[in-house]
Amino acid sequence: MTDNVIQVGDDPGAALSAAIADLRAGAVVVVPTDTVYGLAALVDDSEAVAALFERKGRPAHKRVAVLVADVKQARRIADPGPGFDRLVERFWPGPLTLVCRRAPGFEAWLGDDLDTVAVRCPGHDLTRALAREVGPLAATSANRSGDENPVTAAAAGEAVGGGLLVLDGGDCGTGASTVLDLASEPAQVLRQGVITEASIADAGIRLDVE
């Protein structure tokens, strides 16, 4: 089954509308971000999130992240830890994923970890607009688990496609986001990405360097 590929640059509004319709219908879509191409589903649609895991071949003990439109949306699902405000002011929108305790009442299944949530505000206008319209998005890189991250729509479609809507926004440039655990004390870098430990420390965040 072939994918439905929409060139974002030709008509961003049409691309956004198509993605909104598919997500609200319970589908998984391929979206561009500022880092890599991602698989996205409505965060509160448990069947769609399960389908996202299946597409990626991701084991349930590895949670997926949540993409948000802005800090206000992030606070609805995440209980900010120490340094949250300084970090989002400096690095959002951008390639920094923050692992926080879940906000009270946020119970969406994103993997077997039910205590924390990994949240990011991407530096990509279309993806933020999508989250603004439909709500937070469960998201993970659009590749099979363990494979190379896709920086083109073609690579993403080849890796996880087959009947999906693919929003082709051109090449993604920066690579994977840095993942910082604010639920631990001191904070701990779980994945080194675009943003360095030195940059995080410069924001006044005490890091576990062991």
N, C-alpha and C. Protein backbone atom coordinates (compact mmCIF):
# COMPACT_ATOMS: atom_id res chain seq x y z
N MET A 1 0.85 -1.19 0.00
CA MET A 1 0.00 0.00 0.00
C MET A 1 0.89 1.24 0.00
N THR A 2 0.65 2.15 -0.92
CA THR A 2 1.48 3.34 -1.04
C THR A 2 1.04 4.40 -0.04
N ASP A 3 1.97 5.29 0.27
CA ASP A 3 1.66 6.40 1.16
C ASP A 3 1.03 7.55 0.39
N ASN A 4 0.31 8.39 1.12
CA ASN A 4 -0.22 9.63 0.57
C ASN A 4 0.75 10.74 0.96
N VAL A 5 1.57 11.18 0.02
CA VAL A 5 2.61 12.17 0.30
C VAL A 5 2.12 13.55 -0.12
N ILE A 6 2.17 14.49 0.81
CA ILE A 6 1.80 15.88 0.53
C ILE A 6 3.03 16.75 0.70
N GLN A 7 3.32 17.54 -0.31
CA GLN A 7 4.43 18.49 -0.24
C GLN A 7 3.99 19.72 0.55
N VAL A 8 4.54 19.89 1.72
CA VAL A 8 4.13 20.97 2.61
C VAL A 8 4.33 22.33 1.96
N GLY A 9 5.44 22.49 1.24
CA GLY A 9 5.75 23.78 0.65
C GLY A 9 4.76 24.23 -0.41
N ASP A 10 4.08 23.28 -1.05
CA ASP A 10 3.12 23.64 -2.09
C ASP A 10 1.88 24.30 -1.51
N ASP A 11 1.43 23.82 -0.36
CA ASP A 11 0.23 24.36 0.28
C ASP A 11 0.22 23.94 1.75
N PRO A 12 0.88 24.72 2.61
CA PRO A 12 0.95 24.34 4.03
C PRO A 12 -0.42 24.16 4.67
N GLY A 13 -1.38 24.99 4.28
CA GLY A 13 -2.72 24.88 4.84
C GLY A 13 -3.38 23.56 4.52
N ALA A 14 -3.22 23.12 3.27
CA ALA A 14 -3.80 21.84 2.87
C ALA A 14 -3.12 20.68 3.59
N ALA A 15 -1.80 20.78 3.76
CA ALA A 15 -1.07 19.74 4.49
C ALA A 15 -1.55 19.66 5.93
N LEU A 16 -1.73 20.82 6.55
CA LEU A 16 -2.19 20.86 7.94
C LEU A 16 -3.59 20.27 8.06
N SER A 17 -4.48 20.65 7.15
CA SER A 17 -5.86 20.16 7.20
C SER A 17 -5.92 18.65 7.02
N ALA A 18 -5.11 18.13 6.10
CA ALA A 18 -5.10 16.69 5.86
C ALA A 18 -4.62 15.93 7.09
N ALA A 19 -3.58 16.46 7.73
CA ALA A 19 -3.05 15.80 8.92
C ALA A 19 -4.05 15.85 10.07
N ILE A 20 -4.71 16.98 10.23
CA ILE A 20 -5.73 17.10 11.28
C ILE A 20 -6.82 16.06 11.08
N ALA A 21 -7.29 15.93 9.84
CA ALA A 21 -8.36 14.97 9.55
C ALA A 21 -7.93 13.55 9.84
N ASP A 22 -6.72 13.18 9.41
CA ASP A 22 -6.25 11.82 9.64
C ASP A 22 -6.05 11.53 11.12
N LEU A 23 -5.47 12.46 11.85
CA LEU A 23 -5.24 12.25 13.28
C LEU A 23 -6.56 12.10 14.03
N ARG A 24 -7.52 12.94 13.70
CA ARG A 24 -8.82 12.87 14.38
C ARG A 24 -9.58 11.61 14.01
N ALA A 25 -9.22 11.02 12.87
CA ALA A 25 -9.84 9.75 12.46
C ALA A 25 -9.13 8.54 13.07
N GLY A 26 -8.11 8.79 13.88
CA GLY A 26 -7.42 7.71 14.57
C GLY A 26 -6.20 7.16 13.85
N ALA A 27 -5.71 7.91 12.86
CA ALA A 27 -4.57 7.44 12.07
C ALA A 27 -3.25 7.91 12.68
N VAL A 28 -2.19 7.25 12.24
CA VAL A 28 -0.82 7.69 12.50
C VAL A 28 -0.33 8.42 11.26
N VAL A 29 0.36 9.54 11.44
CA VAL A 29 0.88 10.30 10.30
C VAL A 29 2.38 10.50 10.47
N VAL A 30 3.05 10.76 9.35
CA VAL A 30 4.48 11.08 9.35
C VAL A 30 4.62 12.58 9.20
N VAL A 31 5.31 13.21 10.16
CA VAL A 31 5.42 14.66 10.17
C VAL A 31 6.88 15.09 10.22
N PRO A 32 7.19 16.24 9.62
CA PRO A 32 8.54 16.79 9.76
C PRO A 32 8.68 17.50 11.10
N THR A 33 9.87 17.49 11.64
CA THR A 33 10.17 18.32 12.81
C THR A 33 11.49 19.04 12.55
N ASP A 34 11.97 19.75 13.54
CA ASP A 34 13.25 20.44 13.41
C ASP A 34 14.42 19.48 13.56
N THR A 35 14.16 18.24 14.00
CA THR A 35 15.25 17.29 14.23
C THR A 35 15.23 16.17 13.20
N VAL A 36 14.23 15.29 13.28
CA VAL A 36 14.07 14.18 12.33
C VAL A 36 12.59 14.05 12.00
N TYR A 37 12.28 13.23 11.00
CA TYR A 37 10.87 12.94 10.72
C TYR A 37 10.30 12.05 11.82
N GLY A 38 9.03 12.29 12.15
CA GLY A 38 8.42 11.54 13.24
C GLY A 38 7.11 10.89 12.86
N LEU A 39 6.80 9.83 13.59
CA LEU A 39 5.46 9.24 13.58
C LEU A 39 4.66 9.93 14.66
N ALA A 40 3.44 10.34 14.36
CA ALA A 40 2.64 11.07 15.33
C ALA A 40 1.22 10.52 15.40
N ALA A 41 0.65 10.56 16.60
CA ALA A 41 -0.73 10.16 16.84
C ALA A 41 -1.28 11.03 17.96
N LEU A 42 -2.60 11.14 18.05
CA LEU A 42 -3.20 11.88 19.15
C LEU A 42 -2.83 11.22 20.47
N VAL A 43 -2.38 12.01 21.41
CA VAL A 43 -1.85 11.46 22.65
C VAL A 43 -2.92 10.72 23.45
N ASP A 44 -4.18 11.12 23.31
CA ASP A 44 -5.25 10.49 24.09
C ASP A 44 -6.00 9.42 23.31
N ASP A 45 -5.48 9.03 22.15
CA ASP A 45 -6.07 7.96 21.35
C ASP A 45 -5.22 6.71 21.55
N SER A 46 -5.62 5.87 22.50
CA SER A 46 -4.78 4.73 22.88
C SER A 46 -4.59 3.75 21.73
N GLU A 47 -5.59 3.57 20.89
CA GLU A 47 -5.45 2.65 19.76
C GLU A 47 -4.45 3.19 18.74
N ALA A 48 -4.50 4.50 18.49
CA ALA A 48 -3.55 5.10 17.56
C ALA A 48 -2.13 5.03 18.10
N VAL A 49 -1.97 5.26 19.40
CA VAL A 49 -0.64 5.18 20.01
C VAL A 49 -0.11 3.74 19.93
N ALA A 50 -0.98 2.77 20.15
CA ALA A 50 -0.57 1.37 20.01
C ALA A 50 -0.15 1.07 18.58
N ALA A 51 -0.87 1.63 17.61
CA ALA A 51 -0.51 1.44 16.20
C ALA A 51 0.83 2.08 15.89
N LEU A 52 1.12 3.21 16.53
CA LEU A 52 2.41 3.87 16.36
C LEU A 52 3.53 2.95 16.84
N PHE A 53 3.36 2.35 18.01
CA PHE A 53 4.35 1.40 18.53
C PHE A 53 4.55 0.24 17.55
N GLU A 54 3.45 -0.26 17.00
CA GLU A 54 3.53 -1.40 16.08
C GLU A 54 4.27 -1.02 14.80
N ARG A 55 3.96 0.15 14.26
CA ARG A 55 4.64 0.62 13.05
C ARG A 55 6.15 0.67 13.26
N LYS A 56 6.54 1.15 14.41
CA LYS A 56 7.97 1.34 14.68
C LYS A 56 8.65 0.05 15.13
N GLY A 57 7.86 -0.91 15.61
CA GLY A 57 8.45 -2.09 16.20
C GLY A 57 9.11 -1.77 17.52
N ARG A 58 8.48 -0.89 18.28
CA ARG A 58 9.07 -0.39 19.53
C ARG A 58 8.55 -1.19 20.71
N PRO A 59 9.44 -1.68 21.56
CA PRO A 59 8.97 -2.39 22.76
C PRO A 59 8.28 -1.44 23.73
N ALA A 60 7.30 -1.97 24.45
CA ALA A 60 6.48 -1.12 25.30
C ALA A 60 7.25 -0.48 26.44
N HIS A 61 8.39 -1.05 26.83
CA HIS A 61 9.13 -0.45 27.95
C HIS A 61 9.87 0.82 27.53
N LYS A 62 9.90 1.10 26.22
CA LYS A 62 10.51 2.34 25.74
C LYS A 62 9.39 3.32 25.39
N ARG A 63 9.15 4.27 26.26
CA ARG A 63 8.06 5.21 26.04
C ARG A 63 8.32 6.08 24.82
N VAL A 64 7.27 6.68 24.30
CA VAL A 64 7.42 7.68 23.25
C VAL A 64 7.23 9.05 23.87
N ALA A 65 7.67 10.07 23.15
CA ALA A 65 7.60 11.44 23.65
C ALA A 65 6.27 12.08 23.28
N VAL A 66 6.08 13.30 23.75
CA VAL A 66 4.90 14.09 23.42
C VAL A 66 5.37 15.43 22.86
N LEU A 67 4.86 15.78 21.68
CA LEU A 67 5.14 17.08 21.08
C LEU A 67 4.01 18.03 21.41
N VAL A 68 4.37 19.24 21.84
CA VAL A 68 3.37 20.23 22.24
C VAL A 68 3.54 21.51 21.44
N ALA A 69 2.48 22.31 21.44
CA ALA A 69 2.49 23.56 20.70
C ALA A 69 3.23 24.66 21.44
N ASP A 70 3.20 24.61 22.77
CA ASP A 70 3.77 25.68 23.57
C ASP A 70 3.92 25.21 25.01
N VAL A 71 4.46 26.09 25.84
CA VAL A 71 4.71 25.75 27.24
C VAL A 71 3.39 25.52 27.98
N LYS A 72 2.38 26.31 27.68
CA LYS A 72 1.09 26.15 28.34
C LYS A 72 0.54 24.74 28.12
N GLN A 73 0.65 24.25 26.91
CA GLN A 73 0.19 22.90 26.61
C GLN A 73 1.03 21.86 27.35
N ALA A 74 2.33 22.12 27.45
CA ALA A 74 3.21 21.20 28.16
C ALA A 74 2.81 21.06 29.62
N ARG A 75 2.41 22.15 30.24
CA ARG A 75 2.06 22.12 31.66
C ARG A 75 0.78 21.33 31.93
N ARG A 76 -0.01 21.10 30.91
CA ARG A 76 -1.23 20.31 31.10
C ARG A 76 -0.91 18.82 31.27
N ILE A 77 0.26 18.41 30.77
CA ILE A 77 0.59 16.99 30.83
C ILE A 77 1.81 16.70 31.70
N ALA A 78 2.62 17.71 31.96
CA ALA A 78 3.86 17.53 32.71
C ALA A 78 3.87 18.39 33.96
N ASP A 79 4.38 17.82 35.05
CA ASP A 79 4.58 18.56 36.29
C ASP A 79 6.03 19.05 36.28
N PRO A 80 6.25 20.34 36.00
CA PRO A 80 7.61 20.83 35.79
C PRO A 80 8.51 20.56 36.98
N GLY A 81 9.73 20.15 36.67
CA GLY A 81 10.72 19.95 37.70
C GLY A 81 11.58 21.18 37.86
N PRO A 82 12.56 21.13 38.77
CA PRO A 82 13.47 22.26 38.96
C PRO A 82 14.18 22.62 37.66
N GLY A 83 14.20 23.89 37.35
CA GLY A 83 14.89 24.35 36.16
C GLY A 83 14.06 24.33 34.89
N PHE A 84 12.83 23.82 34.96
CA PHE A 84 12.00 23.71 33.76
C PHE A 84 11.83 25.07 33.08
N ASP A 85 11.47 26.08 33.85
CA ASP A 85 11.21 27.39 33.26
C ASP A 85 12.44 27.96 32.57
N ARG A 86 13.61 27.83 33.20
CA ARG A 86 14.83 28.34 32.58
C ARG A 86 15.14 27.61 31.28
N LEU A 87 14.92 26.31 31.28
CA LEU A 87 15.25 25.51 30.09
C LEU A 87 14.32 25.83 28.92
N VAL A 88 13.03 25.91 29.18
CA VAL A 88 12.11 26.15 28.06
C VAL A 88 12.26 27.57 27.53
N GLU A 89 12.59 28.51 28.43
CA GLU A 89 12.80 29.88 27.96
C GLU A 89 14.00 29.96 27.02
N ARG A 90 15.03 29.17 27.31
CA ARG A 90 16.25 29.23 26.52
C ARG A 90 16.20 28.32 25.28
N PHE A 91 15.60 27.15 25.39
CA PHE A 91 15.76 26.14 24.33
C PHE A 91 14.49 25.79 23.56
N TRP A 92 13.33 26.24 23.99
CA TRP A 92 12.10 25.95 23.25
C TRP A 92 11.63 27.16 22.49
N PRO A 93 11.03 26.98 21.32
CA PRO A 93 10.95 25.72 20.59
C PRO A 93 12.34 25.27 20.16
N GLY A 94 12.58 23.96 20.22
CA GLY A 94 13.89 23.48 19.83
C GLY A 94 14.14 22.04 20.22
N PRO A 95 15.38 21.58 20.02
CA PRO A 95 15.71 20.16 20.14
C PRO A 95 16.06 19.70 21.55
N LEU A 96 15.20 20.03 22.52
CA LEU A 96 15.40 19.57 23.89
C LEU A 96 14.13 18.90 24.39
N THR A 97 14.23 17.62 24.72
CA THR A 97 13.13 16.86 25.29
C THR A 97 13.33 16.77 26.79
N LEU A 98 12.29 17.13 27.54
CA LEU A 98 12.37 17.16 29.00
C LEU A 98 11.51 16.05 29.59
N VAL A 99 12.13 15.20 30.40
CA VAL A 99 11.39 14.15 31.10
C VAL A 99 10.97 14.70 32.46
N CYS A 100 9.66 14.74 32.68
CA CYS A 100 9.10 15.30 33.91
C CYS A 100 8.12 14.31 34.53
N ARG A 101 7.80 14.54 35.78
CA ARG A 101 6.69 13.81 36.37
C ARG A 101 5.41 14.19 35.63
N ARG A 102 4.49 13.26 35.56
CA ARG A 102 3.23 13.56 34.89
C ARG A 102 2.39 14.52 35.71
N ALA A 103 1.66 15.38 35.01
CA ALA A 103 0.72 16.26 35.69
C ALA A 103 -0.43 15.42 36.24
N PRO A 104 -1.01 15.82 37.36
CA PRO A 104 -2.15 15.07 37.91
C PRO A 104 -3.26 14.94 36.87
N GLY A 105 -3.77 13.74 36.70
CA GLY A 105 -4.86 13.51 35.76
C GLY A 105 -4.43 13.12 34.37
N PHE A 106 -3.14 13.25 34.05
CA PHE A 106 -2.68 12.85 32.72
C PHE A 106 -2.30 11.38 32.77
N GLU A 107 -3.11 10.55 32.13
CA GLU A 107 -2.94 9.10 32.24
C GLU A 107 -2.78 8.42 30.89
N ALA A 108 -2.51 9.17 29.84
CA ALA A 108 -2.38 8.57 28.50
C ALA A 108 -1.27 7.52 28.49
N TRP A 109 -1.54 6.41 27.77
CA TRP A 109 -0.53 5.36 27.66
C TRP A 109 0.47 5.73 26.58
N LEU A 110 1.74 5.85 26.98
CA LEU A 110 2.82 6.20 26.06
C LEU A 110 3.95 5.18 26.15
N GLY A 111 3.65 4.04 26.71
CA GLY A 111 4.64 3.03 27.06
C GLY A 111 4.41 2.62 28.50
N ASP A 112 5.21 1.72 28.99
CA ASP A 112 4.95 1.15 30.31
C ASP A 112 5.27 2.08 31.48
N ASP A 113 6.01 3.15 31.24
CA ASP A 113 6.32 4.11 32.30
C ASP A 113 5.11 5.03 32.48
N LEU A 114 4.41 4.85 33.59
CA LEU A 114 3.21 5.64 33.85
C LEU A 114 3.47 6.79 34.81
N ASP A 115 4.72 6.99 35.23
CA ASP A 115 5.04 8.03 36.21
C ASP A 115 5.55 9.31 35.58
N THR A 116 6.24 9.19 34.44
CA THR A 116 6.85 10.36 33.82
C THR A 116 6.39 10.52 32.38
N VAL A 117 6.68 11.69 31.83
CA VAL A 117 6.36 11.97 30.43
C VAL A 117 7.53 12.75 29.84
N ALA A 118 7.87 12.43 28.60
CA ALA A 118 8.93 13.14 27.87
C ALA A 118 8.27 14.12 26.93
N VAL A 119 8.52 15.40 27.11
CA VAL A 119 7.78 16.43 26.38
C VAL A 119 8.75 17.37 25.66
N ARG A 120 8.32 17.80 24.45
CA ARG A 120 9.15 18.71 23.66
C ARG A 120 8.28 19.63 22.84
N CYS A 121 8.71 20.86 22.71
CA CYS A 121 8.08 21.83 21.81
C CYS A 121 9.01 21.97 20.61
N PRO A 122 8.63 21.41 19.45
CA PRO A 122 9.55 21.37 18.31
C PRO A 122 9.69 22.73 17.63
N GLY A 123 10.86 22.95 17.07
CA GLY A 123 11.11 24.19 16.34
C GLY A 123 10.69 24.07 14.89
N HIS A 124 9.47 23.63 14.67
CA HIS A 124 8.93 23.48 13.32
C HIS A 124 7.50 24.02 13.32
N ASP A 125 7.26 25.04 12.51
CA ASP A 125 5.98 25.74 12.54
C ASP A 125 4.79 24.83 12.29
N LEU A 126 4.91 23.95 11.30
CA LEU A 126 3.77 23.10 10.94
C LEU A 126 3.44 22.12 12.07
N THR A 127 4.45 21.52 12.66
CA THR A 127 4.20 20.54 13.72
C THR A 127 3.61 21.21 14.95
N ARG A 128 4.07 22.40 15.29
CA ARG A 128 3.47 23.14 16.40
C ARG A 128 2.03 23.52 16.09
N ALA A 129 1.77 23.94 14.85
CA ALA A 129 0.41 24.28 14.46
C ALA A 129 -0.51 23.07 14.56
N LEU A 130 0.01 21.92 14.20
CA LEU A 130 -0.77 20.69 14.29
C LEU A 130 -1.13 20.39 15.74
N ALA A 131 -0.15 20.49 16.64
CA ALA A 131 -0.42 20.26 18.06
C ALA A 131 -1.37 21.30 18.62
N ARG A 132 -1.30 22.51 18.12
CA ARG A 132 -2.20 23.57 18.57
C ARG A 132 -3.65 23.25 18.19
N GLU A 133 -3.83 22.63 17.04
CA GLU A 133 -5.17 22.33 16.55
C GLU A 133 -5.77 21.07 17.17
N VAL A 134 -4.97 20.04 17.33
CA VAL A 134 -5.52 18.74 17.76
C VAL A 134 -5.12 18.35 19.18
N GLY A 135 -4.20 19.10 19.78
CA GLY A 135 -3.71 18.75 21.10
C GLY A 135 -2.36 18.06 21.02
N PRO A 136 -1.78 17.74 22.16
CA PRO A 136 -0.46 17.11 22.19
C PRO A 136 -0.41 15.84 21.35
N LEU A 137 0.78 15.59 20.78
CA LEU A 137 0.97 14.46 19.88
C LEU A 137 1.95 13.46 20.47
N ALA A 138 1.53 12.22 20.60
CA ALA A 138 2.48 11.15 20.89
C ALA A 138 3.37 11.01 19.67
N ALA A 139 4.67 10.98 19.87
CA ALA A 139 5.57 11.01 18.71
C ALA A 139 6.86 10.26 18.98
N THR A 140 7.41 9.72 17.91
CA THR A 140 8.70 9.05 17.94
C THR A 140 9.29 9.13 16.55
N SER A 141 10.58 8.95 16.42
CA SER A 141 11.21 9.04 15.10
C SER A 141 10.61 8.00 14.16
N ALA A 142 10.47 8.39 12.89
CA ALA A 142 9.79 7.56 11.88
C ALA A 142 10.77 6.56 11.27
N ASN A 143 11.22 5.65 12.11
CA ASN A 143 12.11 4.57 11.66
C ASN A 143 11.77 3.32 12.45
N ARG A 144 12.23 2.19 11.98
CA ARG A 144 12.10 0.98 12.78
C ARG A 144 13.02 1.11 13.99
N SER A 145 12.58 0.58 15.11
CA SER A 145 13.33 0.72 16.35
C SER A 145 14.76 0.24 16.19
N GLY A 146 15.71 1.13 16.53
CA GLY A 146 17.13 0.80 16.44
C GLY A 146 17.79 1.19 15.14
N ASP A 147 16.99 1.57 14.13
CA ASP A 147 17.56 1.96 12.84
C ASP A 147 17.94 3.44 12.83
N GLU A 148 18.57 3.87 11.75
CA GLU A 148 19.01 5.25 11.62
C GLU A 148 17.82 6.20 11.56
N ASN A 149 17.97 7.35 12.21
CA ASN A 149 16.90 8.35 12.21
C ASN A 149 16.70 8.93 10.82
N PRO A 150 15.45 9.09 10.38
CA PRO A 150 15.18 9.60 9.03
C PRO A 150 15.17 11.13 8.99
N VAL A 151 15.92 11.69 8.07
CA VAL A 151 15.94 13.15 7.91
C VAL A 151 15.25 13.58 6.62
N THR A 152 14.71 12.64 5.86
CA THR A 152 13.93 12.95 4.66
C THR A 152 12.60 12.22 4.73
N ALA A 153 11.60 12.78 4.06
CA ALA A 153 10.29 12.14 4.01
C ALA A 153 10.37 10.79 3.31
N ALA A 154 11.20 10.70 2.28
CA ALA A 154 11.34 9.44 1.55
C ALA A 154 11.87 8.34 2.45
N ALA A 155 12.88 8.67 3.25
CA ALA A 155 13.45 7.68 4.17
C ALA A 155 12.44 7.25 5.22
N ALA A 156 11.66 8.22 5.72
CA ALA A 156 10.65 7.90 6.72
C ALA A 156 9.57 7.00 6.14
N GLY A 157 9.09 7.36 4.94
CA GLY A 157 8.06 6.56 4.31
C GLY A 157 8.51 5.15 4.03
N GLU A 158 9.75 5.01 3.60
CA GLU A 158 10.30 3.69 3.31
C GLU A 158 10.42 2.84 4.58
N ALA A 159 10.75 3.50 5.68
CA ALA A 159 10.99 2.77 6.93
C ALA A 159 9.70 2.31 7.60
N VAL A 160 8.70 3.17 7.62
CA VAL A 160 7.50 2.86 8.42
C VAL A 160 6.21 3.06 7.66
N GLY A 161 6.30 3.38 6.36
CA GLY A 161 5.12 3.73 5.59
C GLY A 161 4.28 2.55 5.17
N GLY A 162 3.36 2.84 4.27
CA GLY A 162 2.38 1.88 3.82
C GLY A 162 1.00 2.33 4.25
N GLY A 163 0.38 3.17 3.42
CA GLY A 163 -0.95 3.65 3.72
C GLY A 163 -1.01 4.82 4.67
N LEU A 164 0.13 5.45 4.95
CA LEU A 164 0.16 6.60 5.85
C LEU A 164 0.17 7.91 5.08
N LEU A 165 -0.36 8.95 5.73
CA LEU A 165 -0.15 10.31 5.25
C LEU A 165 1.25 10.73 5.64
N VAL A 166 2.03 11.19 4.65
CA VAL A 166 3.39 11.67 4.88
C VAL A 166 3.45 13.13 4.49
N LEU A 167 3.77 13.99 5.44
CA LEU A 167 3.94 15.41 5.16
C LEU A 167 5.41 15.65 4.84
N ASP A 168 5.68 15.97 3.59
CA ASP A 168 7.05 16.17 3.13
C ASP A 168 7.41 17.64 3.27
N GLY A 169 8.19 17.94 4.29
CA GLY A 169 8.61 19.32 4.54
C GLY A 169 10.06 19.57 4.17
N GLY A 170 10.63 18.69 3.33
CA GLY A 170 12.03 18.83 2.99
C GLY A 170 12.92 18.16 4.02
N ASP A 171 14.21 18.34 3.85
CA ASP A 171 15.16 17.69 4.75
C ASP A 171 15.12 18.30 6.15
N CYS A 172 15.18 17.45 7.16
CA CYS A 172 15.37 17.90 8.54
C CYS A 172 16.87 18.00 8.79
N GLY A 173 17.27 19.01 9.54
CA GLY A 173 18.69 19.31 9.53
C GLY A 173 19.51 18.98 10.75
N THR A 174 18.92 18.86 11.95
CA THR A 174 19.77 18.91 13.14
C THR A 174 20.09 17.55 13.76
N GLY A 175 19.31 16.53 13.50
CA GLY A 175 19.52 15.26 14.18
C GLY A 175 18.71 15.19 15.46
N ALA A 176 18.91 14.15 16.24
CA ALA A 176 18.06 13.85 17.39
C ALA A 176 18.15 14.94 18.47
N SER A 177 17.05 15.08 19.21
CA SER A 177 17.03 16.03 20.32
C SER A 177 17.81 15.46 21.50
N THR A 178 18.26 16.36 22.36
CA THR A 178 18.82 15.97 23.64
C THR A 178 17.68 15.65 24.59
N VAL A 179 17.80 14.56 25.34
CA VAL A 179 16.78 14.17 26.31
C VAL A 179 17.34 14.38 27.71
N LEU A 180 16.66 15.22 28.50
CA LEU A 180 17.12 15.58 29.84
C LEU A 180 16.07 15.16 30.86
N ASP A 181 16.47 14.37 31.83
CA ASP A 181 15.57 13.88 32.87
C ASP A 181 15.54 14.87 34.03
N LEU A 182 14.42 15.60 34.14
CA LEU A 182 14.23 16.52 35.25
C LEU A 182 13.54 15.86 36.43
N ALA A 183 13.09 14.61 36.24
CA ALA A 183 12.42 13.90 37.33
C ALA A 183 13.43 13.34 38.33
N SER A 184 14.69 13.31 37.94
CA SER A 184 15.75 12.86 38.86
C SER A 184 16.47 14.07 39.43
N GLU A 185 17.14 13.86 40.54
CA GLU A 185 17.87 14.95 41.19
C GLU A 185 19.27 14.45 41.56
N PRO A 186 20.31 15.02 40.95
CA PRO A 186 20.26 16.10 39.96
C PRO A 186 19.77 15.61 38.60
N ALA A 187 19.51 16.56 37.72
CA ALA A 187 19.04 16.22 36.38
C ALA A 187 20.09 15.38 35.65
N GLN A 188 19.61 14.56 34.73
CA GLN A 188 20.51 13.63 34.04
C GLN A 188 20.22 13.64 32.54
N VAL A 189 21.28 13.73 31.74
CA VAL A 189 21.13 13.63 30.29
C VAL A 189 20.98 12.15 29.93
N LEU A 190 19.82 11.80 29.38
CA LEU A 190 19.56 10.42 28.99
C LEU A 190 20.00 10.14 27.57
N ARG A 191 20.00 11.17 26.75
CA ARG A 191 20.49 11.03 25.37
C ARG A 191 21.14 12.34 24.95
N GLN A 192 22.38 12.25 24.52
CA GLN A 192 23.07 13.44 24.03
C GLN A 192 22.64 13.70 22.59
N GLY A 193 22.14 14.89 22.35
CA GLY A 193 21.71 15.28 21.02
C GLY A 193 22.30 16.61 20.64
N VAL A 194 21.48 17.43 20.03
CA VAL A 194 21.94 18.71 19.50
C VAL A 194 22.42 19.64 20.61
N ILE A 195 21.69 19.70 21.70
CA ILE A 195 22.03 20.60 22.80
C ILE A 195 23.01 19.91 23.74
N THR A 196 24.12 20.54 24.01
CA THR A 196 25.20 19.93 24.78
C THR A 196 24.96 20.06 26.29
N GLU A 197 25.67 19.22 27.03
CA GLU A 197 25.63 19.32 28.49
C GLU A 197 26.13 20.68 28.96
N ALA A 198 27.13 21.21 28.28
CA ALA A 198 27.66 22.52 28.65
C ALA A 198 26.59 23.60 28.51
N SER A 199 25.79 23.53 27.44
CA SER A 199 24.73 24.51 27.23
C SER A 199 23.67 24.40 28.32
N ILE A 200 23.37 23.17 28.72
CA ILE A 200 22.39 22.96 29.78
C ILE A 200 22.93 23.50 31.11
N ALA A 201 24.19 23.23 31.38
CA ALA A 201 24.80 23.74 32.61
C ALA A 201 24.83 25.26 32.62
N ASP A 202 25.03 25.86 31.46
CA ASP A 202 25.05 27.32 31.35
C ASP A 202 23.69 27.92 31.70
N ALA A 203 22.63 27.11 31.58
CA ALA A 203 21.29 27.58 31.95
C ALA A 203 21.04 27.46 33.45
N GLY A 204 22.07 27.04 34.19
CA GLY A 204 21.96 26.96 35.64
C GLY A 204 21.42 25.64 36.14
N ILE A 205 21.49 24.60 35.32
CA ILE A 205 20.98 23.29 35.70
C ILE A 205 22.12 22.42 36.23
N ARG A 206 21.93 21.88 37.42
CA ARG A 206 22.92 20.98 38.00
C ARG A 206 22.72 19.59 37.42
N LEU A 207 23.77 19.01 36.86
CA LEU A 207 23.68 17.74 36.16
C LEU A 207 24.38 16.63 36.91
N ASP A 208 23.83 15.43 36.78
CA ASP A 208 24.51 14.23 37.24
C ASP A 208 25.49 13.84 36.14
N VAL A 209 26.78 13.98 36.41
CA VAL A 209 27.79 13.74 35.37
C VAL A 209 28.42 12.36 35.50
N GLU A 210 27.96 11.55 36.41
CA GLU A 210 28.52 10.20 36.58
C GLU A 210 27.96 9.26 35.52
